[in-house]
Amino acid sequence: MTGDNVERIKYVMEYLNKHLTMLNDMGFVFDDGSFDEMIHSYGVAYFCASAAYSKGLDPELGYIIGLLHDVGRIINDDYTKAHGPSGAILVEGFLEDTGLFDSEEIEIVCRSISKHSKKGKNHGPYDEILKDADLIERLFFMGDIKAPGTAKRKRIDQQLERYGLEVIEKNNEFKV
């Protein structure tokens, strides 16, 4: 990774951390929500970068997509499926203003963020990486397994199989 890549990631991290701090200071926190959002965003970023690398895509771009994927929820306090499209609008302006990203990269990042709540539909490669990373991170950090037979659960099961893992459910609890 070049120095430019590191600078771009640091710049995005500063933007995200600033908004997480504002979330905390403004009192929009529910049960220490800003900490949960931070853990979730960084966890998704890690999974996105790893998946991008394994699929021959740009891991730096994957990491940035993961960091920014819930900006609509963080900044707009929007916990609906609309947080993806609203976040994509915010992120587009931010990335353009930095001057660090070309138009193709901005399009990839914003499209992925906009589509990440549509887990039952297939989109582009970065979009799919983000959807999977979002679910896997929620599984590992929050224990959010999803009901069997749902589109989200099918995605989780596919990713666990990919990594050679399985979910063992017993008495409404699970272990990976």
C-alpha atoms as a PDB file:
ATOM      1  CA  MET A   1       0.000   0.000   0.000  1.00  0.00           C
ATOM      2  CA  THR A   2       1.437   3.369  -0.957  1.00  0.00           C
ATOM      3  CA  GLY A   3       1.634   6.467   1.192  1.00  0.00           C
ATOM      4  CA  ASP A   4      -1.241   7.970  -0.796  1.00  0.00           C
ATOM      5  CA  ASN A   5      -3.430   4.996   0.099  1.00  0.00           C
ATOM      6  CA  VAL A   6      -2.627   5.365   3.785  1.00  0.00           C
ATOM      7  CA  GLU A   7      -3.398   9.081   3.629  1.00  0.00           C
ATOM      8  CA  ARG A   8      -6.782   8.421   2.033  1.00  0.00           C
ATOM      9  CA  ILE A   9      -7.698   5.876   4.681  1.00  0.00           C
ATOM     10  CA  LYS A  10      -6.562   8.202   7.480  1.00  0.00           C
ATOM     11  CA  TYR A  11      -8.638  11.030   6.016  1.00  0.00           C
ATOM     12  CA  VAL A  12     -11.749   8.829   5.841  1.00  0.00           C
ATOM     13  CA  MET A  13     -11.141   7.550   9.376  1.00  0.00           C
ATOM     14  CA  GLU A  14     -10.914  11.126  10.680  1.00  0.00           C
ATOM     15  CA  TYR A  15     -14.225  11.967   8.975  1.00  0.00           C
ATOM     16  CA  LEU A  16     -15.953   8.912  10.442  1.00  0.00           C
ATOM     17  CA  ASN A  17     -14.480   9.418  13.912  1.00  0.00           C
ATOM     18  CA  LYS A  18     -15.520  13.085  13.901  1.00  0.00           C
ATOM     19  CA  HIS A  19     -19.125  12.111  13.251  1.00  0.00           C
ATOM     20  CA  LEU A  20     -19.050   9.315  15.808  1.00  0.00           C
ATOM     21  CA  THR A  21     -17.786  11.819  18.391  1.00  0.00           C
ATOM     22  CA  MET A  22     -20.533  14.266  17.421  1.00  0.00           C
ATOM     23  CA  LEU A  23     -23.064  11.465  17.771  1.00  0.00           C
ATOM     24  CA  ASN A  24     -21.806  10.831  21.269  1.00  0.00           C
ATOM     25  CA  ASP A  25     -21.587  14.513  22.302  1.00  0.00           C
ATOM     26  CA  MET A  26     -25.013  15.389  20.899  1.00  0.00           C
ATOM     27  CA  GLY A  27     -26.749  12.759  22.995  1.00  0.00           C
ATOM     28  CA  PHE A  28     -28.082  10.617  20.169  1.00  0.00           C
ATOM     29  CA  VAL A  29     -26.490   7.622  21.796  1.00  0.00           C
ATOM     30  CA  PHE A  30     -28.637   4.708  22.829  1.00  0.00           C
ATOM     31  CA  ASP A  31     -26.851   2.329  25.195  1.00  0.00           C
ATOM     32  CA  ASP A  32     -23.395   3.526  24.215  1.00  0.00           C
ATOM     33  CA  GLY A  33     -24.383   3.460  20.538  1.00  0.00           C
ATOM     34  CA  SER A  34     -21.425   5.458  19.266  1.00  0.00           C
ATOM     35  CA  PHE A  35     -19.058   2.752  20.503  1.00  0.00           C
ATOM     36  CA  ASP A  36     -21.167   0.079  18.813  1.00  0.00           C
ATOM     37  CA  GLU A  37     -21.210   2.094  15.576  1.00  0.00           C
ATOM     38  CA  MET A  38     -17.433   2.496  15.723  1.00  0.00           C
ATOM     39  CA  ILE A  39     -16.833  -1.221  16.315  1.00  0.00           C
ATOM     40  CA  HIS A  40     -19.307  -2.107  13.565  1.00  0.00           C
ATOM     41  CA  SER A  41     -17.860   0.321  10.994  1.00  0.00           C
ATOM     42  CA  TYR A  42     -14.268  -0.748  11.573  1.00  0.00           C
ATOM     43  CA  GLY A  43     -15.230  -4.434  11.648  1.00  0.00           C
ATOM     44  CA  VAL A  44     -17.100  -4.156   8.357  1.00  0.00           C
ATOM     45  CA  ALA A  45     -14.119  -2.287   6.891  1.00  0.00           C
ATOM     46  CA  TYR A  46     -11.792  -5.131   7.842  1.00  0.00           C
ATOM     47  CA  PHE A  47     -14.078  -7.794   6.357  1.00  0.00           C
ATOM     48  CA  CYS A  48     -14.541  -5.715   3.172  1.00  0.00           C
ATOM     49  CA  ALA A  49     -10.795  -5.251   2.693  1.00  0.00           C
ATOM     50  CA  SER A  50     -10.130  -8.944   3.269  1.00  0.00           C
ATOM     51  CA  ALA A  51     -12.868 -10.030   0.858  1.00  0.00           C
ATOM     52  CA  ALA A  52     -11.767  -7.494  -1.766  1.00  0.00           C
ATOM     53  CA  TYR A  53      -8.201  -8.786  -1.581  1.00  0.00           C
ATOM     54  CA  SER A  54      -9.304 -12.414  -1.890  1.00  0.00           C
ATOM     55  CA  LYS A  55     -11.428 -11.555  -4.954  1.00  0.00           C
ATOM     56  CA  GLY A  56      -8.690  -9.581  -6.710  1.00  0.00           C
ATOM     57  CA  LEU A  57     -10.334  -6.220  -6.021  1.00  0.00           C
ATOM     58  CA  ASP A  58      -8.809  -3.152  -4.367  1.00  0.00           C
ATOM     59  CA  PRO A  59      -8.630  -3.788  -0.598  1.00  0.00           C
ATOM     60  CA  GLU A  60      -8.124  -0.091   0.146  1.00  0.00           C
ATOM     61  CA  LEU A  61     -11.363   0.773  -1.624  1.00  0.00           C
ATOM     62  CA  GLY A  62     -13.061  -2.115   0.176  1.00  0.00           C
ATOM     63  CA  TYR A  63     -11.836  -0.790   3.521  1.00  0.00           C
ATOM     64  CA  ILE A  64     -13.096   2.716   2.750  1.00  0.00           C
ATOM     65  CA  ILE A  65     -16.499   1.368   1.675  1.00  0.00           C
ATOM     66  CA  GLY A  66     -16.751  -0.544   4.940  1.00  0.00           C
ATOM     67  CA  LEU A  67     -15.807   2.482   7.028  1.00  0.00           C
ATOM     68  CA  LEU A  68     -18.382   4.727   5.368  1.00  0.00           C
ATOM     69  CA  HIS A  69     -21.259   2.288   4.807  1.00  0.00           C
ATOM     70  CA  ASP A  70     -23.408   3.486   7.746  1.00  0.00           C
ATOM     71  CA  VAL A  71     -22.743   7.232   7.486  1.00  0.00           C
ATOM     72  CA  GLY A  72     -26.445   7.790   6.730  1.00  0.00           C
ATOM     73  CA  ARG A  73     -27.341   6.120   9.998  1.00  0.00           C
ATOM     74  CA  ILE A  74     -24.614   7.887  11.976  1.00  0.00           C
ATOM     75  CA  ILE A  75     -25.096  11.428  10.660  1.00  0.00           C
ATOM     76  CA  ASN A  76     -28.846  11.385   9.955  1.00  0.00           C
ATOM     77  CA  ASP A  77     -29.770   9.145  12.913  1.00  0.00           C
ATOM     78  CA  ASP A  78     -31.607   7.028  10.325  1.00  0.00           C
ATOM     79  CA  TYR A  79     -32.151   3.418  11.345  1.00  0.00           C
ATOM     80  CA  THR A  80     -34.267   2.498   8.309  1.00  0.00           C
ATOM     81  CA  LYS A  81     -33.244   0.885   5.029  1.00  0.00           C
ATOM     82  CA  ALA A  82     -33.106   4.422   3.611  1.00  0.00           C
ATOM     83  CA  HIS A  83     -29.843   5.072   5.491  1.00  0.00           C
ATOM     84  CA  GLY A  84     -27.905   3.546   2.576  1.00  0.00           C
ATOM     85  CA  PRO A  85     -29.106   5.937  -0.135  1.00  0.00           C
ATOM     86  CA  SER A  86     -29.025   8.956   2.201  1.00  0.00           C
ATOM     87  CA  GLY A  87     -25.519   8.009   3.323  1.00  0.00           C
ATOM     88  CA  ALA A  88     -24.374   7.647  -0.286  1.00  0.00           C
ATOM     89  CA  ILE A  89     -25.388  11.256  -0.944  1.00  0.00           C
ATOM     90  CA  LEU A  90     -23.397  12.478   2.067  1.00  0.00           C
ATOM     91  CA  VAL A  91     -20.389  10.337   1.172  1.00  0.00           C
ATOM     92  CA  GLU A  92     -20.404  11.503  -2.448  1.00  0.00           C
ATOM     93  CA  GLY A  93     -20.059  15.123  -1.356  1.00  0.00           C
ATOM     94  CA  PHE A  94     -17.369  14.264   1.181  1.00  0.00           C
ATOM     95  CA  LEU A  95     -15.272  12.225  -1.272  1.00  0.00           C
ATOM     96  CA  GLU A  96     -15.573  14.854  -4.014  1.00  0.00           C
ATOM     97  CA  ASP A  97     -14.509  17.591  -1.590  1.00  0.00           C
ATOM     98  CA  THR A  98     -11.370  15.688  -0.573  1.00  0.00           C
ATOM     99  CA  GLY A  99      -9.974  15.675  -4.104  1.00  0.00           C
ATOM    100  CA  LEU A 100      -8.371  12.315  -3.241  1.00  0.00           C
ATOM    101  CA  PHE A 101     -10.729  10.063  -5.220  1.00  0.00           C
ATOM    102  CA  ASP A 102     -11.491   9.829  -8.915  1.00  0.00           C
ATOM    103  CA  SER A 103     -15.044   9.724 -10.250  1.00  0.00           C
ATOM    104  CA  GLU A 104     -14.996   5.937 -10.775  1.00  0.00           C
ATOM    105  CA  GLU A 105     -13.952   5.303  -7.169  1.00  0.00           C
ATOM    106  CA  ILE A 106     -16.620   7.673  -5.876  1.00  0.00           C
ATOM    107  CA  GLU A 107     -19.236   5.867  -7.988  1.00  0.00           C
ATOM    108  CA  ILE A 108     -18.158   2.454  -6.633  1.00  0.00           C
ATOM    109  CA  VAL A 109     -18.168   3.619  -3.006  1.00  0.00           C
ATOM    110  CA  CYS A 110     -21.514   5.408  -3.241  1.00  0.00           C
ATOM    111  CA  ARG A 111     -23.250   2.624  -5.156  1.00  0.00           C
ATOM    112  CA  SER A 112     -22.084   0.060  -2.601  1.00  0.00           C
ATOM    113  CA  ILE A 113     -23.302   2.177   0.307  1.00  0.00           C
ATOM    114  CA  SER A 114     -26.615   2.883  -1.396  1.00  0.00           C
ATOM    115  CA  LYS A 115     -27.314  -0.800  -2.114  1.00  0.00           C
ATOM    116  CA  HIS A 116     -26.020  -2.443   1.066  1.00  0.00           C
ATOM    117  CA  SER A 117     -29.425  -2.850   2.724  1.00  0.00           C
ATOM    118  CA  LYS A 118     -30.765  -4.781  -0.291  1.00  0.00           C
ATOM    119  CA  LYS A 119     -29.337  -8.113   0.825  1.00  0.00           C
ATOM    120  CA  GLY A 120     -31.767 -10.192  -1.269  1.00  0.00           C
ATOM    121  CA  LYS A 121     -30.622  -8.726  -4.597  1.00  0.00           C
ATOM    122  CA  ASN A 122     -27.334  -9.105  -6.452  1.00  0.00           C
ATOM    123  CA  HIS A 123     -25.370  -6.059  -7.520  1.00  0.00           C
ATOM    124  CA  GLY A 124     -21.712  -5.315  -8.336  1.00  0.00           C
ATOM    125  CA  PRO A 125     -18.693  -6.993  -6.708  1.00  0.00           C
ATOM    126  CA  TYR A 126     -17.985  -4.286  -4.121  1.00  0.00           C
ATOM    127  CA  ASP A 127     -21.712  -4.057  -3.324  1.00  0.00           C
ATOM    128  CA  GLU A 128     -21.828  -7.780  -2.588  1.00  0.00           C
ATOM    129  CA  ILE A 129     -18.656  -7.665  -0.496  1.00  0.00           C
ATOM    130  CA  LEU A 130     -20.197  -4.922   1.644  1.00  0.00           C
ATOM    131  CA  LYS A 131     -23.489  -6.772   2.102  1.00  0.00           C
ATOM    132  CA  ASP A 132     -21.651  -9.897   3.242  1.00  0.00           C
ATOM    133  CA  ALA A 133     -19.253  -7.997   5.505  1.00  0.00           C
ATOM    134  CA  ASP A 134     -22.137  -6.116   7.138  1.00  0.00           C
ATOM    135  CA  LEU A 135     -23.912  -9.363   8.023  1.00  0.00           C
ATOM    136  CA  ILE A 136     -20.799 -11.248   9.117  1.00  0.00           C
ATOM    137  CA  GLU A 137     -19.670  -8.405  11.388  1.00  0.00           C
ATOM    138  CA  ARG A 138     -23.122  -8.255  12.997  1.00  0.00           C
ATOM    139  CA  LEU A 139     -22.968 -12.003  13.535  1.00  0.00           C
ATOM    140  CA  PHE A 140     -19.574 -11.941  15.246  1.00  0.00           C
ATOM    141  CA  PHE A 141     -19.960  -8.694  17.214  1.00  0.00           C
ATOM    142  CA  MET A 142     -23.662  -8.660  18.069  1.00  0.00           C
ATOM    143  CA  GLY A 143     -24.684 -12.278  17.695  1.00  0.00           C
ATOM    144  CA  ASP A 144     -27.235 -11.280  15.052  1.00  0.00           C
ATOM    145  CA  ILE A 145     -27.788 -14.644  13.333  1.00  0.00           C
ATOM    146  CA  LYS A 146     -31.042 -13.908  11.420  1.00  0.00           C
ATOM    147  CA  ALA A 147     -33.885 -16.370  10.959  1.00  0.00           C
ATOM    148  CA  PRO A 148     -33.300 -19.508   8.851  1.00  0.00           C
ATOM    149  CA  GLY A 149     -34.615 -19.265   5.290  1.00  0.00           C
ATOM    150  CA  THR A 150     -34.257 -15.486   4.992  1.00  0.00           C
ATOM    151  CA  ALA A 151     -32.082 -13.853   2.349  1.00  0.00           C
ATOM    152  CA  LYS A 152     -29.842 -12.475   5.079  1.00  0.00           C
ATOM    153  CA  ARG A 153     -29.409 -15.880   6.715  1.00  0.00           C
ATOM    154  CA  LYS A 154     -28.603 -17.479   3.352  1.00  0.00           C
ATOM    155  CA  ARG A 155     -25.855 -14.900   2.837  1.00  0.00           C
ATOM    156  CA  ILE A 156     -24.490 -15.559   6.318  1.00  0.00           C
ATOM    157  CA  ASP A 157     -24.480 -19.321   5.750  1.00  0.00           C
ATOM    158  CA  GLN A 158     -22.670 -18.906   2.401  1.00  0.00           C
ATOM    159  CA  GLN A 159     -19.969 -16.768   3.989  1.00  0.00           C
ATOM    160  CA  LEU A 160     -19.510 -19.096   6.942  1.00  0.00           C
ATOM    161  CA  GLU A 161     -19.148 -22.016   4.526  1.00  0.00           C
ATOM    162  CA  ARG A 162     -16.610 -20.017   2.528  1.00  0.00           C
ATOM    163  CA  TYR A 163     -14.497 -19.621   5.674  1.00  0.00           C
ATOM    164  CA  GLY A 164     -15.055 -23.212   6.810  1.00  0.00           C
ATOM    165  CA  LEU A 165     -17.240 -22.204   9.766  1.00  0.00           C
ATOM    166  CA  GLU A 166     -20.679 -23.278  10.883  1.00  0.00           C
ATOM    167  CA  VAL A 167     -23.279 -22.042  13.321  1.00  0.00           C
ATOM    168  CA  ILE A 168     -24.273 -24.407  16.091  1.00  0.00           C
ATOM    169  CA  GLU A 169     -27.617 -23.392  17.555  1.00  0.00           C
ATOM    170  CA  LYS A 170     -28.801 -24.694  20.898  1.00  0.00           C
ATOM    171  CA  ASN A 171     -31.453 -23.241  23.213  1.00  0.00           C
ATOM    172  CA  ASN A 172     -31.714 -20.031  21.143  1.00  0.00           C
ATOM    173  CA  GLU A 173     -27.972 -19.491  21.479  1.00  0.00           C
ATOM    174  CA  PHE A 174     -25.325 -20.111  18.896  1.00  0.00           C
ATOM    175  CA  LYS A 175     -21.614 -20.653  18.554  1.00  0.00           C
ATOM    176  CA  VAL A 176     -19.522 -20.175  15.458  1.00  0.00           C
END
